[in-house]
Amino acid sequence: MAMLMFSKCLGKTDIGKRLSFPIKALKCLPGYQEGQHMVEFQVRDEEDRVWTFYCSTRKQKHPKPVLSKGWRRFVCLRNLKIGDKVEFYKEEEKAGGVGYYVRVKRPVIVFGAMMGLVPISCTA
């Protein structure tokens, strides 16, 4: 069963530079250890495409985790826009390992009202 690590509606900085996310999600990342300031991990999207992201944190008191390297490529190839929603999941796999997944959704707006979210497929 998949566990939601975090979800976020994307803003200007998330689209243009990096994705910041809640500190509590750090402990879910593969290979992350307390005091570490960078970790590389891979996720699969809805189309089973593998993406590599680098998560980094500040070395100061408030770590503020962000996805930087790999994130902009994902944004561009998926044609993400402000207001789109990303969801990151962690799931136990059949072989005993752990898999990480990302889902992206776009709001459906009808006459100025959000009617729901639909999956966004890859453009490349």
PDB file of N, CA and C in Angstrom:
ATOM      1  N   MET A   1       0.832  -1.180   0.000  1.00  0.00           N
ATOM      2  CA  MET A   1       0.000   0.000   0.000  1.00  0.00           C
ATOM      3  C   MET A   1       0.876   1.242   0.000  1.00  0.00           C
ATOM      4  N   ALA A   2       0.533   2.202  -0.827  1.00  0.00           N
ATOM      5  CA  ALA A   2       1.321   3.421  -0.960  1.00  0.00           C
ATOM      6  C   ALA A   2       1.049   4.381   0.195  1.00  0.00           C
ATOM      7  N   MET A   3       2.122   5.019   0.677  1.00  0.00           N
ATOM      8  CA  MET A   3       2.009   6.021   1.724  1.00  0.00           C
ATOM      9  C   MET A   3       2.352   7.384   1.122  1.00  0.00           C
ATOM     10  N   LEU A   4       1.452   8.336   1.258  1.00  0.00           N
ATOM     11  CA  LEU A   4       1.707   9.683   0.758  1.00  0.00           C
ATOM     12  C   LEU A   4       2.783  10.334   1.614  1.00  0.00           C
ATOM     13  N   MET A   5       3.899  10.721   0.992  1.00  0.00           N
ATOM     14  CA  MET A   5       4.972  11.416   1.699  1.00  0.00           C
ATOM     15  C   MET A   5       4.620  12.890   1.835  1.00  0.00           C
ATOM     16  N   PHE A   6       4.216  13.496   0.698  1.00  0.00           N
ATOM     17  CA  PHE A   6       3.742  14.875   0.705  1.00  0.00           C
ATOM     18  C   PHE A   6       3.083  15.185  -0.624  1.00  0.00           C
ATOM     19  N   SER A   7       2.267  16.222  -0.615  1.00  0.00           N
ATOM     20  CA  SER A   7       1.669  16.732  -1.848  1.00  0.00           C
ATOM     21  C   SER A   7       1.760  18.247  -1.797  1.00  0.00           C
ATOM     22  N   LYS A   8       1.742  18.859  -2.968  1.00  0.00           N
ATOM     23  CA  LYS A   8       1.872  20.315  -3.010  1.00  0.00           C
ATOM     24  C   LYS A   8       1.288  20.857  -4.297  1.00  0.00           C
ATOM     25  N   CYS A   9       0.554  21.965  -4.170  1.00  0.00           N
ATOM     26  CA  CYS A   9       0.130  22.728  -5.343  1.00  0.00           C
ATOM     27  C   CYS A   9       1.298  23.630  -5.705  1.00  0.00           C
ATOM     28  N   LEU A  10       1.715  23.595  -6.948  1.00  0.00           N
ATOM     29  CA  LEU A  10       2.931  24.278  -7.370  1.00  0.00           C
ATOM     30  C   LEU A  10       2.748  25.784  -7.504  1.00  0.00           C
ATOM     31  N   GLY A  11       3.759  26.499  -7.034  1.00  0.00           N
ATOM     32  CA  GLY A  11       3.807  27.948  -7.150  1.00  0.00           C
ATOM     33  C   GLY A  11       4.884  28.362  -8.146  1.00  0.00           C
ATOM     34  N   LYS A  12       5.129  29.649  -8.240  1.00  0.00           N
ATOM     35  CA  LYS A  12       6.086  30.206  -9.206  1.00  0.00           C
ATOM     36  C   LYS A  12       7.500  29.648  -9.004  1.00  0.00           C
ATOM     37  N   THR A  13       7.987  29.640  -7.775  1.00  0.00           N
ATOM     38  CA  THR A  13       9.337  29.131  -7.500  1.00  0.00           C
ATOM     39  C   THR A  13       9.428  27.637  -7.779  1.00  0.00           C
ATOM     40  N   ASP A  14       8.369  26.897  -7.450  1.00  0.00           N
ATOM     41  CA  ASP A  14       8.350  25.449  -7.705  1.00  0.00           C
ATOM     42  C   ASP A  14       8.479  25.151  -9.195  1.00  0.00           C
ATOM     43  N   ILE A  15       7.893  25.978 -10.028  1.00  0.00           N
ATOM     44  CA  ILE A  15       7.945  25.796 -11.478  1.00  0.00           C
ATOM     45  C   ILE A  15       9.270  26.295 -12.050  1.00  0.00           C
ATOM     46  N   GLY A  16       9.738  27.437 -11.570  1.00  0.00           N
ATOM     47  CA  GLY A  16      10.901  28.083 -12.171  1.00  0.00           C
ATOM     48  C   GLY A  16      12.258  27.670 -11.647  1.00  0.00           C
ATOM     49  N   LYS A  17      12.328  27.167 -10.396  1.00  0.00           N
ATOM     50  CA  LYS A  17      13.641  26.903  -9.814  1.00  0.00           C
ATOM     51  C   LYS A  17      13.742  25.562  -9.107  1.00  0.00           C
ATOM     52  N   ARG A  18      12.972  25.385  -8.052  1.00  0.00           N
ATOM     53  CA  ARG A  18      13.112  24.203  -7.199  1.00  0.00           C
ATOM     54  C   ARG A  18      11.801  23.957  -6.471  1.00  0.00           C
ATOM     55  N   LEU A  19      11.636  22.741  -5.993  1.00  0.00           N
ATOM     56  CA  LEU A  19      10.442  22.373  -5.236  1.00  0.00           C
ATOM     57  C   LEU A  19      10.802  22.251  -3.764  1.00  0.00           C
ATOM     58  N   SER A  20      10.228  23.102  -2.940  1.00  0.00           N
ATOM     59  CA  SER A  20      10.416  22.955  -1.495  1.00  0.00           C
ATOM     60  C   SER A  20       9.292  22.072  -0.961  1.00  0.00           C
ATOM     61  N   PHE A  21       9.581  21.356   0.112  1.00  0.00           N
ATOM     62  CA  PHE A  21       8.570  20.456   0.673  1.00  0.00           C
ATOM     63  C   PHE A  21       8.763  20.341   2.179  1.00  0.00           C
ATOM     64  N   PRO A  22       7.787  19.771   2.889  1.00  0.00           N
ATOM     65  CA  PRO A  22       7.833  19.714   4.354  1.00  0.00           C
ATOM     66  C   PRO A  22       9.018  18.913   4.901  1.00  0.00           C
ATOM     67  N   ILE A  23       9.569  19.394   5.994  1.00  0.00           N
ATOM     68  CA  ILE A  23      10.701  18.744   6.653  1.00  0.00           C
ATOM     69  C   ILE A  23      10.359  17.308   7.053  1.00  0.00           C
ATOM     70  N   LYS A  24       9.122  17.072   7.486  1.00  0.00           N
ATOM     71  CA  LYS A  24       8.748  15.731   7.956  1.00  0.00           C
ATOM     72  C   LYS A  24       8.879  14.669   6.866  1.00  0.00           C
ATOM     73  N   ALA A  25       8.867  15.074   5.597  1.00  0.00           N
ATOM     74  CA  ALA A  25       8.996  14.115   4.493  1.00  0.00           C
ATOM     75  C   ALA A  25      10.440  13.650   4.297  1.00  0.00           C
ATOM     76  N   LEU A  26      11.407  14.364   4.877  1.00  0.00           N
ATOM     77  CA  LEU A  26      12.822  13.989   4.725  1.00  0.00           C
ATOM     78  C   LEU A  26      13.090  12.562   5.184  1.00  0.00           C
ATOM     79  N   LYS A  27      12.518  12.189   6.313  1.00  0.00           N
ATOM     80  CA  LYS A  27      12.796  10.854   6.874  1.00  0.00           C
ATOM     81  C   LYS A  27      12.311   9.724   5.976  1.00  0.00           C
ATOM     82  N   CYS A  28      11.431  10.040   5.027  1.00  0.00           N
ATOM     83  CA  CYS A  28      10.918   9.026   4.094  1.00  0.00           C
ATOM     84  C   CYS A  28      11.847   8.800   2.903  1.00  0.00           C
ATOM     85  N   LEU A  29      12.772   9.724   2.670  1.00  0.00           N
ATOM     86  CA  LEU A  29      13.639   9.614   1.493  1.00  0.00           C
ATOM     87  C   LEU A  29      14.663   8.503   1.666  1.00  0.00           C
ATOM     88  N   PRO A  30      14.953   7.774   0.599  1.00  0.00           N
ATOM     89  CA  PRO A  30      15.930   6.684   0.681  1.00  0.00           C
ATOM     90  C   PRO A  30      17.330   7.221   0.945  1.00  0.00           C
ATOM     91  N   GLY A  31      18.006   6.634   1.896  1.00  0.00           N
ATOM     92  CA  GLY A  31      19.385   7.008   2.170  1.00  0.00           C
ATOM     93  C   GLY A  31      19.554   8.262   2.995  1.00  0.00           C
ATOM     94  N   TYR A  32      18.459   8.936   3.345  1.00  0.00           N
ATOM     95  CA  TYR A  32      18.600  10.160   4.137  1.00  0.00           C
ATOM     96  C   TYR A  32      18.917   9.818   5.581  1.00  0.00           C
ATOM     97  N   GLN A  33      19.918  10.527   6.128  1.00  0.00           N
ATOM     98  CA  GLN A  33      20.282  10.367   7.530  1.00  0.00           C
ATOM     99  C   GLN A  33      20.353  11.746   8.158  1.00  0.00           C
ATOM    100  N   GLU A  34      20.021  11.821   9.434  1.00  0.00           N
ATOM    101  CA  GLU A  34      20.068  13.084  10.174  1.00  0.00           C
ATOM    102  C   GLU A  34      21.434  13.742  10.001  1.00  0.00           C
ATOM    103  N   GLY A  35      21.450  15.024   9.705  1.00  0.00           N
ATOM    104  CA  GLY A  35      22.692  15.760   9.518  1.00  0.00           C
ATOM    105  C   GLY A  35      23.208  15.755   8.093  1.00  0.00           C
ATOM    106  N   GLN A  36      22.641  14.935   7.259  1.00  0.00           N
ATOM    107  CA  GLN A  36      23.036  14.873   5.847  1.00  0.00           C
ATOM    108  C   GLN A  36      22.388  16.042   5.108  1.00  0.00           C
ATOM    109  N   HIS A  37      23.104  16.611   4.135  1.00  0.00           N
ATOM    110  CA  HIS A  37      22.586  17.795   3.446  1.00  0.00           C
ATOM    111  C   HIS A  37      22.226  17.551   1.986  1.00  0.00           C
ATOM    112  N   MET A  38      22.471  16.344   1.485  1.00  0.00           N
ATOM    113  CA  MET A  38      22.071  16.041   0.113  1.00  0.00           C
ATOM    114  C   MET A  38      21.856  14.539  -0.039  1.00  0.00           C
ATOM    115  N   VAL A  39      20.813  14.205  -0.784  1.00  0.00           N
ATOM    116  CA  VAL A  39      20.553  12.801  -1.085  1.00  0.00           C
ATOM    117  C   VAL A  39      19.968  12.717  -2.492  1.00  0.00           C
ATOM    118  N   GLU A  40      20.402  11.718  -3.229  1.00  0.00           N
ATOM    119  CA  GLU A  40      19.887  11.463  -4.577  1.00  0.00           C
ATOM    120  C   GLU A  40      18.904  10.303  -4.474  1.00  0.00           C
ATOM    121  N   PHE A  41      17.775  10.412  -5.179  1.00  0.00           N
ATOM    122  CA  PHE A  41      16.819   9.309  -5.183  1.00  0.00           C
ATOM    123  C   PHE A  41      16.056   9.285  -6.496  1.00  0.00           C
ATOM    124  N   GLN A  42      15.467   8.142  -6.778  1.00  0.00           N
ATOM    125  CA  GLN A  42      14.714   7.971  -8.021  1.00  0.00           C
ATOM    126  C   GLN A  42      13.249   7.713  -7.714  1.00  0.00           C
ATOM    127  N   VAL A  43      12.402   8.236  -8.594  1.00  0.00           N
ATOM    128  CA  VAL A  43      10.961   8.009  -8.494  1.00  0.00           C
ATOM    129  C   VAL A  43      10.446   7.575  -9.858  1.00  0.00           C
ATOM    130  N   ARG A  44       9.317   6.913  -9.854  1.00  0.00           N
ATOM    131  CA  ARG A  44       8.633   6.533 -11.094  1.00  0.00           C
ATOM    132  C   ARG A  44       7.358   7.348 -11.202  1.00  0.00           C
ATOM    133  N   ASP A  45       7.015   7.703 -12.445  1.00  0.00           N
ATOM    134  CA  ASP A  45       5.762   8.421 -12.658  1.00  0.00           C
ATOM    135  C   ASP A  45       4.676   7.453 -13.118  1.00  0.00           C
ATOM    136  N   GLU A  46       3.522   8.001 -13.488  1.00  0.00           N
ATOM    137  CA  GLU A  46       2.379   7.184 -13.890  1.00  0.00           C
ATOM    138  C   GLU A  46       2.659   6.358 -15.139  1.00  0.00           C
ATOM    139  N   GLU A  47       3.612   6.799 -15.946  1.00  0.00           N
ATOM    140  CA  GLU A  47       3.949   6.107 -17.192  1.00  0.00           C
ATOM    141  C   GLU A  47       5.154   5.191 -17.019  1.00  0.00           C
ATOM    142  N   ASP A  48       5.534   4.933 -15.762  1.00  0.00           N
ATOM    143  CA  ASP A  48       6.648   4.064 -15.397  1.00  0.00           C
ATOM    144  C   ASP A  48       7.996   4.620 -15.841  1.00  0.00           C
ATOM    145  N   ARG A  49       8.065   5.912 -16.048  1.00  0.00           N
ATOM    146  CA  ARG A  49       9.318   6.576 -16.405  1.00  0.00           C
ATOM    147  C   ARG A  49      10.070   6.914 -15.120  1.00  0.00           C
ATOM    148  N   VAL A  50      11.383   6.680 -15.108  1.00  0.00           N
ATOM    149  CA  VAL A  50      12.201   6.921 -13.919  1.00  0.00           C
ATOM    150  C   VAL A  50      12.806   8.321 -13.980  1.00  0.00           C
ATOM    151  N   TRP A  51      12.704   9.031 -12.870  1.00  0.00           N
ATOM    152  CA  TRP A  51      13.254  10.381 -12.733  1.00  0.00           C
ATOM    153  C   TRP A  51      14.212  10.390 -11.552  1.00  0.00           C
ATOM    154  N   THR A  52      15.356  11.063 -11.706  1.00  0.00           N
ATOM    155  CA  THR A  52      16.323  11.185 -10.621  1.00  0.00           C
ATOM    156  C   THR A  52      16.291  12.610 -10.095  1.00  0.00           C
ATOM    157  N   PHE A  53      16.087  12.740  -8.794  1.00  0.00           N
ATOM    158  CA  PHE A  53      16.060  14.047  -8.135  1.00  0.00           C
ATOM    159  C   PHE A  53      17.141  14.099  -7.066  1.00  0.00           C
ATOM    160  N   TYR A  54      17.621  15.300  -6.813  1.00  0.00           N
ATOM    161  CA  TYR A  54      18.545  15.550  -5.720  1.00  0.00           C
ATOM    162  C   TYR A  54      17.824  16.415  -4.705  1.00  0.00           C
ATOM    163  N   CYS A  55      17.775  15.934  -3.481  1.00  0.00           N
ATOM    164  CA  CYS A  55      17.191  16.707  -2.395  1.00  0.00           C
ATOM    165  C   CYS A  55      18.338  17.297  -1.587  1.00  0.00           C
ATOM    166  N   SER A  56      18.276  18.594  -1.349  1.00  0.00           N
ATOM    167  CA  SER A  56      19.290  19.232  -0.519  1.00  0.00           C
ATOM    168  C   SER A  56      18.604  20.029   0.584  1.00  0.00           C
ATOM    169  N   THR A  57      19.351  20.238   1.665  1.00  0.00           N
ATOM    170  CA  THR A  57      18.849  21.029   2.787  1.00  0.00           C
ATOM    171  C   THR A  57      19.891  22.070   3.165  1.00  0.00           C
ATOM    172  N   ARG A  58      19.428  23.099   3.837  1.00  0.00           N
ATOM    173  CA  ARG A  58      20.349  24.111   4.367  1.00  0.00           C
ATOM    174  C   ARG A  58      21.163  23.486   5.498  1.00  0.00           C
ATOM    175  N   LYS A  59      22.333  24.044   5.727  1.00  0.00           N
ATOM    176  CA  LYS A  59      23.172  23.551   6.820  1.00  0.00           C
ATOM    177  C   LYS A  59      22.854  24.277   8.129  1.00  0.00           C
ATOM    178  N   GLN A  60      21.939  25.252   8.050  1.00  0.00           N
ATOM    179  CA  GLN A  60      21.572  26.032   9.232  1.00  0.00           C
ATOM    180  C   GLN A  60      20.499  25.317  10.042  1.00  0.00           C
ATOM    181  N   LYS A  61      19.987  26.005  11.064  1.00  0.00           N
ATOM    182  CA  LYS A  61      19.014  25.426  11.991  1.00  0.00           C
ATOM    183  C   LYS A  61      17.758  24.900  11.290  1.00  0.00           C
ATOM    184  N   HIS A  62      17.173  25.680  10.403  1.00  0.00           N
ATOM    185  CA  HIS A  62      15.963  25.250   9.683  1.00  0.00           C
ATOM    186  C   HIS A  62      16.378  24.669   8.339  1.00  0.00           C
ATOM    187  N   PRO A  63      16.301  23.346   8.147  1.00  0.00           N
ATOM    188  CA  PRO A  63      16.859  22.713   6.948  1.00  0.00           C
ATOM    189  C   PRO A  63      16.194  23.067   5.614  1.00  0.00           C
ATOM    190  N   LYS A  64      14.878  23.306   5.571  1.00  0.00           N
ATOM    191  CA  LYS A  64      14.127  23.621   4.352  1.00  0.00           C
ATOM    192  C   LYS A  64      14.544  22.739   3.171  1.00  0.00           C
ATOM    193  N   PRO A  65      14.050  21.517   3.102  1.00  0.00           N
ATOM    194  CA  PRO A  65      14.415  20.626   1.998  1.00  0.00           C
ATOM    195  C   PRO A  65      13.846  21.086   0.658  1.00  0.00           C
ATOM    196  N   VAL A  66      14.654  20.920  -0.383  1.00  0.00           N
ATOM    197  CA  VAL A  66      14.233  21.273  -1.741  1.00  0.00           C
ATOM    198  C   VAL A  66      14.730  20.221  -2.727  1.00  0.00           C
ATOM    199  N   LEU A  67      13.956  20.029  -3.791  1.00  0.00           N
ATOM    200  CA  LEU A  67      14.415  19.238  -4.930  1.00  0.00           C
ATOM    201  C   LEU A  67      14.934  20.234  -5.944  1.00  0.00           C
ATOM    202  N   SER A  68      16.176  20.069  -6.348  1.00  0.00           N
ATOM    203  CA  SER A  68      16.750  21.007  -7.312  1.00  0.00           C
ATOM    204  C   SER A  68      17.181  20.262  -8.567  1.00  0.00           C
ATOM    205  N   LYS A  69      18.332  19.639  -8.531  1.00  0.00           N
ATOM    206  CA  LYS A  69      18.836  18.946  -9.713  1.00  0.00           C
ATOM    207  C   LYS A  69      17.857  17.850 -10.145  1.00  0.00           C
ATOM    208  N   GLY A  70      17.466  17.873 -11.403  1.00  0.00           N
ATOM    209  CA  GLY A  70      16.511  16.912 -11.932  1.00  0.00           C
ATOM    210  C   GLY A  70      15.076  17.425 -11.915  1.00  0.00           C
ATOM    211  N   TRP A  71      14.773  18.332 -10.993  1.00  0.00           N
ATOM    212  CA  TRP A  71      13.410  18.833 -10.856  1.00  0.00           C
ATOM    213  C   TRP A  71      12.979  19.668 -12.063  1.00  0.00           C
ATOM    214  N   ARG A  72      13.820  20.589 -12.529  1.00  0.00           N
ATOM    215  CA  ARG A  72      13.452  21.469 -13.653  1.00  0.00           C
ATOM    216  C   ARG A  72      13.205  20.656 -14.919  1.00  0.00           C
ATOM    217  N   ARG A  73      13.981  19.625 -15.140  1.00  0.00           N
ATOM    218  CA  ARG A  73      13.771  18.759 -16.310  1.00  0.00           C
ATOM    219  C   ARG A  73      12.392  18.115 -16.221  1.00  0.00           C
ATOM    220  N   PHE A  74      12.049  17.633 -15.046  1.00  0.00           N
ATOM    221  CA  PHE A  74      10.736  17.034 -14.817  1.00  0.00           C
ATOM    222  C   PHE A  74       9.628  18.050 -15.108  1.00  0.00           C
ATOM    223  N   VAL A  75       9.777  19.262 -14.598  1.00  0.00           N
ATOM    224  CA  VAL A  75       8.787  20.330 -14.812  1.00  0.00           C
ATOM    225  C   VAL A  75       8.617  20.611 -16.300  1.00  0.00           C
ATOM    226  N   CYS A  76       9.730  20.749 -17.013  1.00  0.00           N
ATOM    227  CA  CYS A  76       9.671  21.081 -18.445  1.00  0.00           C
ATOM    228  C   CYS A  76       9.077  19.945 -19.272  1.00  0.00           C
ATOM    229  N   LEU A  77       9.539  18.723 -19.057  1.00  0.00           N
ATOM    230  CA  LEU A  77       9.049  17.598 -19.854  1.00  0.00           C
ATOM    231  C   LEU A  77       7.600  17.244 -19.543  1.00  0.00           C
ATOM    232  N   ARG A  78       7.169  17.516 -18.339  1.00  0.00           N
ATOM    233  CA  ARG A  78       5.773  17.251 -17.970  1.00  0.00           C
ATOM    234  C   ARG A  78       4.885  18.474 -18.214  1.00  0.00           C
ATOM    235  N   ASN A  79       5.506  19.572 -18.657  1.00  0.00           N
ATOM    236  CA  ASN A  79       4.773  20.813 -18.961  1.00  0.00           C
ATOM    237  C   ASN A  79       3.939  21.273 -17.758  1.00  0.00           C
ATOM    238  N   LEU A  80       4.566  21.261 -16.574  1.00  0.00           N
ATOM    239  CA  LEU A  80       3.852  21.644 -15.365  1.00  0.00           C
ATOM    240  C   LEU A  80       3.634  23.149 -15.314  1.00  0.00           C
ATOM    241  N   LYS A  81       2.555  23.541 -14.673  1.00  0.00           N
ATOM    242  CA  LYS A  81       2.145  24.944 -14.568  1.00  0.00           C
ATOM    243  C   LYS A  81       1.839  25.278 -13.106  1.00  0.00           C
ATOM    244  N   ILE A  82       1.837  26.575 -12.816  1.00  0.00           N
ATOM    245  CA  ILE A  82       1.428  27.035 -11.493  1.00  0.00           C
ATOM    246  C   ILE A  82       0.009  26.529 -11.231  1.00  0.00           C
ATOM    247  N   GLY A  83      -0.204  25.979 -10.051  1.00  0.00           N
ATOM    248  CA  GLY A  83      -1.515  25.440  -9.686  1.00  0.00           C
ATOM    249  C   GLY A  83      -1.628  23.934  -9.851  1.00  0.00           C
ATOM    250  N   ASP A  84      -0.717  23.327 -10.640  1.00  0.00           N
ATOM    251  CA  ASP A  84      -0.716  21.868 -10.750  1.00  0.00           C
ATOM    252  C   ASP A  84      -0.346  21.277  -9.388  1.00  0.00           C
ATOM    253  N   LYS A  85      -0.718  20.038  -9.174  1.00  0.00           N
ATOM    254  CA  LYS A  85      -0.455  19.381  -7.896  1.00  0.00           C
ATOM    255  C   LYS A  85       0.467  18.187  -8.105  1.00  0.00           C
ATOM    256  N   VAL A  86       1.495  18.083  -7.249  1.00  0.00           N
ATOM    257  CA  VAL A  86       2.370  16.908  -7.265  1.00  0.00           C
ATOM    258  C   VAL A  86       2.149  16.134  -5.970  1.00  0.00           C
ATOM    259  N   GLU A  87       2.232  14.814  -6.086  1.00  0.00           N
ATOM    260  CA  GLU A  87       2.100  13.934  -4.931  1.00  0.00           C
ATOM    261  C   GLU A  87       3.250  12.933  -4.975  1.00  0.00           C
ATOM    262  N   PHE A  88       3.986  12.829  -3.894  1.00  0.00           N
ATOM    263  CA  PHE A  88       5.089  11.876  -3.792  1.00  0.00           C
ATOM    264  C   PHE A  88       4.684  10.763  -2.831  1.00  0.00           C
ATOM    265  N   TYR A  89       4.881   9.515  -3.282  1.00  0.00           N
ATOM    266  CA  TYR A  89       4.489   8.338  -2.515  1.00  0.00           C
ATOM    267  C   TYR A  89       5.673   7.418  -2.280  1.00  0.00           C
ATOM    268  N   LYS A  90       5.600   6.697  -1.171  1.00  0.00           N
ATOM    269  CA  LYS A  90       6.551   5.635  -0.844  1.00  0.00           C
ATOM    270  C   LYS A  90       5.729   4.359  -0.740  1.00  0.00           C
ATOM    271  N   GLU A  91       6.222   3.277  -1.363  1.00  0.00           N
ATOM    272  CA  GLU A  91       5.442   2.041  -1.364  1.00  0.00           C
ATOM    273  C   GLU A  91       6.340   0.822  -1.231  1.00  0.00           C
ATOM    274  N   GLU A  92       5.920  -0.108  -0.396  1.00  0.00           N
ATOM    275  CA  GLU A  92       6.617  -1.391  -0.277  1.00  0.00           C
ATOM    276  C   GLU A  92       6.376  -2.173  -1.561  1.00  0.00           C
ATOM    277  N   GLU A  93       7.451  -2.700  -2.156  1.00  0.00           N
ATOM    278  CA  GLU A  93       7.318  -3.462  -3.397  1.00  0.00           C
ATOM    279  C   GLU A  93       7.257  -4.955  -3.101  1.00  0.00           C
ATOM    280  N   LYS A  94       6.781  -5.722  -4.067  1.00  0.00           N
ATOM    281  CA  LYS A  94       6.605  -7.170  -3.904  1.00  0.00           C
ATOM    282  C   LYS A  94       7.909  -7.880  -3.567  1.00  0.00           C
ATOM    283  N   ALA A  95       9.012  -7.409  -4.113  1.00  0.00           N
ATOM    284  CA  ALA A  95      10.304  -8.054  -3.890  1.00  0.00           C
ATOM    285  C   ALA A  95      10.902  -7.688  -2.532  1.00  0.00           C
ATOM    286  N   GLY A  96      10.181  -6.900  -1.745  1.00  0.00           N
ATOM    287  CA  GLY A  96      10.670  -6.546  -0.418  1.00  0.00           C
ATOM    288  C   GLY A  96      11.335  -5.189  -0.350  1.00  0.00           C
ATOM    289  N   GLY A  97      11.581  -4.568  -1.490  1.00  0.00           N
ATOM    290  CA  GLY A  97      12.190  -3.246  -1.502  1.00  0.00           C
ATOM    291  C   GLY A  97      11.146  -2.153  -1.330  1.00  0.00           C
ATOM    292  N   VAL A  98      11.605  -0.931  -1.498  1.00  0.00           N
ATOM    293  CA  VAL A  98      10.723   0.227  -1.390  1.00  0.00           C
ATOM    294  C   VAL A  98      10.789   1.000  -2.694  1.00  0.00           C
ATOM    295  N   GLY A  99       9.641   1.387  -3.207  1.00  0.00           N
ATOM    296  CA  GLY A  99       9.576   2.189  -4.422  1.00  0.00           C
ATOM    297  C   GLY A  99       9.065   3.578  -4.104  1.00  0.00           C
ATOM    298  N   TYR A 100       9.485   4.540  -4.903  1.00  0.00           N
ATOM    299  CA  TYR A 100       9.047   5.922  -4.737  1.00  0.00           C
ATOM    300  C   TYR A 100       8.368   6.354  -6.025  1.00  0.00           C
ATOM    301  N   TYR A 101       7.252   7.041  -5.871  1.00  0.00           N
ATOM    302  CA  TYR A 101       6.431   7.393  -7.022  1.00  0.00           C
ATOM    303  C   TYR A 101       6.015   8.848  -6.957  1.00  0.00           C
ATOM    304  N   VAL A 102       5.851   9.451  -8.126  1.00  0.00           N
ATOM    305  CA  VAL A 102       5.345  10.820  -8.215  1.00  0.00           C
ATOM    306  C   VAL A 102       4.128  10.818  -9.132  1.00  0.00           C
ATOM    307  N   ARG A 103       3.113  11.532  -8.726  1.00  0.00           N
ATOM    308  CA  ARG A 103       1.893  11.702  -9.521  1.00  0.00           C
ATOM    309  C   ARG A 103       1.689  13.196  -9.720  1.00  0.00           C
ATOM    310  N   VAL A 104       1.292  13.586 -10.908  1.00  0.00           N
ATOM    311  CA  VAL A 104       1.013  15.000 -11.168  1.00  0.00           C
ATOM    312  C   VAL A 104      -0.412  15.154 -11.674  1.00  0.00           C
ATOM    313  N   LYS A 105      -1.060  16.191 -11.198  1.00  0.00           N
ATOM    314  CA  LYS A 105      -2.449  16.439 -11.579  1.00  0.00           C
ATOM    315  C   LYS A 105      -2.646  17.923 -11.876  1.00  0.00           C
ATOM    316  N   ARG A 106      -3.564  18.187 -12.785  1.00  0.00           N
ATOM    317  CA  ARG A 106      -3.886  19.561 -13.170  1.00  0.00           C
ATOM    318  C   ARG A 106      -5.334  19.850 -12.788  1.00  0.00           C
ATOM    319  N   PRO A 107      -5.577  21.035 -12.215  1.00  0.00           N
ATOM    320  CA  PRO A 107      -6.959  21.376 -11.872  1.00  0.00           C
ATOM    321  C   PRO A 107      -7.810  21.586 -13.122  1.00  0.00           C
ATOM    322  N   VAL A 108      -9.057  21.162 -13.053  1.00  0.00           N
ATOM    323  CA  VAL A 108     -10.025  21.398 -14.123  1.00  0.00           C
ATOM    324  C   VAL A 108     -10.896  22.566 -13.667  1.00  0.00           C
ATOM    325  N   ILE A 109     -10.816  23.673 -14.403  1.00  0.00           N
ATOM    326  CA  ILE A 109     -11.561  24.878 -14.050  1.00  0.00           C
ATOM    327  C   ILE A 109     -12.697  25.070 -15.044  1.00  0.00           C
ATOM    328  N   VAL A 110     -13.911  25.177 -14.538  1.00  0.00           N
ATOM    329  CA  VAL A 110     -15.081  25.421 -15.378  1.00  0.00           C
ATOM    330  C   VAL A 110     -15.800  26.647 -14.820  1.00  0.00           C
ATOM    331  N   PHE A 111     -15.914  27.673 -15.641  1.00  0.00           N
ATOM    332  CA  PHE A 111     -16.557  28.927 -15.232  1.00  0.00           C
ATOM    333  C   PHE A 111     -15.982  29.453 -13.922  1.00  0.00           C
ATOM    334  N   GLY A 112     -14.647  29.377 -13.789  1.00  0.00           N
ATOM    335  CA  GLY A 112     -13.961  29.916 -12.624  1.00  0.00           C
ATOM    336  C   GLY A 112     -13.969  29.035 -11.384  1.00  0.00           C
ATOM    337  N   ALA A 113     -14.598  27.886 -11.440  1.00  0.00           N
ATOM    338  CA  ALA A 113     -14.646  26.989 -10.283  1.00  0.00           C
ATOM    339  C   ALA A 113     -13.855  25.717 -10.572  1.00  0.00           C
ATOM    340  N   MET A 114     -13.059  25.284  -9.582  1.00  0.00           N
ATOM    341  CA  MET A 114     -12.303  24.046  -9.756  1.00  0.00           C
ATOM    342  C   MET A 114     -13.248  22.862  -9.593  1.00  0.00           C
ATOM    343  N   MET A 115     -13.301  22.041 -10.619  1.00  0.00           N
ATOM    344  CA  MET A 115     -14.203  20.892 -10.624  1.00  0.00           C
ATOM    345  C   MET A 115     -13.507  19.594 -10.201  1.00  0.00           C
ATOM    346  N   GLY A 116     -12.182  19.604 -10.174  1.00  0.00           N
ATOM    347  CA  GLY A 116     -11.431  18.411  -9.801  1.00  0.00           C
ATOM    348  C   GLY A 116     -10.028  18.476 -10.362  1.00  0.00           C
ATOM    349  N   LEU A 117      -9.311  17.369 -10.267  1.00  0.00           N
ATOM    350  CA  LEU A 117      -7.940  17.258 -10.757  1.00  0.00           C
ATOM    351  C   LEU A 117      -7.857  16.089 -11.724  1.00  0.00           C
ATOM    352  N   VAL A 118      -7.078  16.273 -12.803  1.00  0.00           N
ATOM    353  CA  VAL A 118      -6.875  15.192 -13.771  1.00  0.00           C
ATOM    354  C   VAL A 118      -5.383  14.916 -13.912  1.00  0.00           C
ATOM    355  N   PRO A 119      -4.995  13.661 -14.128  1.00  0.00           N
ATOM    356  CA  PRO A 119      -3.582  13.325 -14.328  1.00  0.00           C
ATOM    357  C   PRO A 119      -3.016  14.023 -15.562  1.00  0.00           C
ATOM    358  N   ILE A 120      -1.732  14.366 -15.492  1.00  0.00           N
ATOM    359  CA  ILE A 120      -1.033  14.985 -16.617  1.00  0.00           C
ATOM    360  C   ILE A 120      -0.097  13.944 -17.199  1.00  0.00           C
ATOM    361  N   SER A 121      -0.197  13.671 -18.481  1.00  0.00           N
ATOM    362  CA  SER A 121       0.707  12.706 -19.107  1.00  0.00           C
ATOM    363  C   SER A 121       1.957  13.418 -19.595  1.00  0.00           C
ATOM    364  N   CYS A 122       2.996  12.647 -19.817  1.00  0.00           N
ATOM    365  CA  CYS A 122       4.287  13.173 -20.250  1.00  0.00           C
ATOM    366  C   CYS A 122       4.205  13.658 -21.688  1.00  0.00           C
ATOM    367  N   THR A 123       4.904  14.775 -21.991  1.00  0.00           N
ATOM    368  CA  THR A 123       4.883  15.337 -23.337  1.00  0.00           C
ATOM    369  C   THR A 123       6.045  14.863 -24.184  1.00  0.00           C
ATOM    370  N   ALA A 124       7.047  14.231 -23.555  1.00  0.00           N
ATOM    371  CA  ALA A 124       8.222  13.799 -24.322  1.00  0.00           C
ATOM    372  C   ALA A 124       8.333  12.299 -24.358  1.00  0.00           C
TER     373      ALA A 124
END
